[in-house]
Amino acid sequence: MATMRRRKTEGKSRRGSTARRASPKRNTRLAELEAFLRRYPDTDVLELLVADLAGVLRGKRVRRDEFEHVFRDGFCLPGGAVLLDTLGEVVSGIRYTAEDGDPDIFTEIVP
């Protein structure tokens, strides 16, 4: 499961090479990933899922070479992905639609 929040980039790229202190949350997420991969070593793809307003799971798939980055640093999803109705239509009057370019929202893995 993932949680979504906006992240302030302070003028730096999300994928920039700025050094980050290891937080307990980050260590927990990486430990969970390592335990999962020990148990299921043949895993090549993970589905990163977030429930929309109607409870429909939306997300993306990542390849194995991206697992550590996603668990350590998080990932982005289109902000409107969780604001869709059961037919995949945008609910009127809600931000993050095609009208504003559907900006990405920073998302983290929840252990």
Protein backbone atom coordinates (compact mmCIF):
# COMPACT_ATOMS: atom_id res chain seq x y z
CA MET A 1 0.00 0.00 0.00
CA ALA A 2 1.20 3.52 -0.67
CA THR A 3 0.41 6.89 0.85
CA MET A 4 0.30 10.11 -1.16
CA ARG A 5 1.52 13.57 -0.17
CA ARG A 6 3.05 16.61 -1.81
CA ARG A 7 6.80 16.92 -1.37
CA LYS A 8 8.64 20.21 -1.36
CA THR A 9 11.61 19.89 -3.66
CA GLU A 10 13.30 23.14 -2.56
CA GLY A 11 14.48 23.76 -6.11
CA LYS A 12 16.11 20.35 -6.41
CA SER A 13 15.19 17.50 -8.70
CA ARG A 14 13.39 14.54 -7.13
CA ARG A 15 15.99 12.29 -8.68
CA GLY A 16 18.86 14.60 -7.78
CA SER A 17 21.95 13.31 -6.08
CA THR A 18 21.43 15.14 -2.79
CA ALA A 19 22.53 13.10 0.21
CA ARG A 20 19.72 11.99 2.51
CA ARG A 21 19.88 10.88 6.09
CA ALA A 22 18.55 7.39 6.63
CA SER A 23 15.28 7.69 8.53
CA PRO A 24 13.78 4.88 10.62
CA LYS A 25 10.83 4.79 8.17
CA ARG A 26 13.18 4.39 5.21
CA ASN A 27 15.13 1.63 7.00
CA THR A 28 11.88 -0.17 7.83
CA ARG A 29 10.74 -0.03 4.20
CA LEU A 30 14.09 -1.35 2.93
CA ALA A 31 14.11 -4.12 5.55
CA GLU A 32 10.61 -5.13 4.46
CA LEU A 33 11.72 -5.20 0.81
CA GLU A 34 14.77 -7.33 1.64
CA ALA A 35 12.66 -9.79 3.64
CA PHE A 36 10.11 -10.00 0.80
CA LEU A 37 12.83 -10.65 -1.80
CA ARG A 38 14.43 -13.35 0.38
CA ARG A 39 11.05 -15.08 0.58
CA TYR A 40 10.17 -14.50 -3.11
CA PRO A 41 13.53 -14.25 -4.92
CA ASP A 42 12.05 -14.65 -8.41
CA THR A 43 10.02 -11.42 -8.16
CA ASP A 44 10.69 -9.31 -11.26
CA VAL A 45 7.85 -6.75 -11.02
CA LEU A 46 5.97 -5.06 -8.19
CA GLU A 47 2.59 -3.35 -8.49
CA LEU A 48 2.41 -0.10 -6.52
CA LEU A 49 -1.28 0.40 -5.75
CA VAL A 50 -3.37 3.19 -4.24
CA ALA A 51 -7.16 3.03 -3.82
CA ASP A 52 -9.18 5.76 -5.54
CA LEU A 53 -12.31 7.39 -4.06
CA ALA A 54 -14.44 4.39 -5.02
CA GLY A 55 -11.94 1.84 -3.70
CA VAL A 56 -10.65 0.81 -7.13
CA LEU A 57 -6.91 0.11 -7.03
CA ARG A 58 -4.83 2.31 -9.31
CA GLY A 59 -1.08 2.53 -9.66
CA LYS A 60 1.94 1.46 -11.63
CA ARG A 61 4.34 -1.43 -12.07
CA VAL A 62 8.08 -1.21 -11.43
CA ARG A 63 10.87 -3.54 -12.50
CA ARG A 64 13.26 -5.16 -10.06
CA ASP A 65 16.07 -2.70 -10.74
CA GLU A 66 13.74 0.06 -9.45
CA PHE A 67 12.59 -1.67 -6.22
CA GLU A 68 15.21 -0.21 -3.89
CA HIS A 69 14.81 3.33 -5.22
CA VAL A 70 11.01 3.20 -4.81
CA PHE A 71 11.18 1.78 -1.28
CA ARG A 72 13.92 4.20 -0.22
CA ASP A 73 12.86 7.42 -1.96
CA GLY A 74 9.21 6.97 -2.95
CA PHE A 75 7.67 7.51 -6.37
CA CYS A 76 5.21 9.75 -8.21
CA LEU A 77 1.70 9.09 -9.48
CA PRO A 78 -0.63 11.43 -11.36
CA GLY A 79 -2.55 13.35 -8.68
CA GLY A 80 -5.87 12.67 -10.38
CA ALA A 81 -5.44 8.88 -10.31
CA VAL A 82 -7.11 8.58 -6.91
CA LEU A 83 -9.88 11.04 -7.81
CA LEU A 84 -11.57 8.93 -10.48
CA ASP A 85 -15.03 7.40 -10.27
CA THR A 86 -15.76 3.71 -10.91
CA LEU A 87 -15.86 4.33 -14.67
CA GLY A 88 -12.46 6.02 -14.66
CA GLU A 89 -13.98 9.47 -15.22
CA VAL A 90 -12.79 12.56 -13.38
CA VAL A 91 -15.20 13.71 -10.68
CA SER A 92 -16.21 17.27 -11.55
CA GLY A 93 -15.02 20.11 -9.35
CA ILE A 94 -11.92 18.32 -8.07
CA ARG A 95 -8.35 19.55 -8.61
CA TYR A 96 -5.72 17.48 -10.44
CA THR A 97 -7.51 16.95 -13.71
CA ALA A 98 -6.55 17.35 -17.35
CA GLU A 99 -7.39 21.06 -16.98
CA ASP A 100 -4.34 21.67 -14.75
CA GLY A 101 -2.07 19.10 -16.39
CA ASP A 102 -2.76 16.41 -13.76
CA PRO A 103 0.44 17.08 -11.79
CA ASP A 104 2.35 14.23 -10.17
CA ILE A 105 1.99 13.67 -6.44
CA PHE A 106 4.85 12.24 -4.40
CA THR A 107 3.95 8.85 -2.92
CA GLU A 108 5.68 6.62 -0.34
CA ILE A 109 5.49 2.93 0.47
CA VAL A 110 3.70 2.23 3.76
CA PRO A 111 5.23 -0.82 5.51
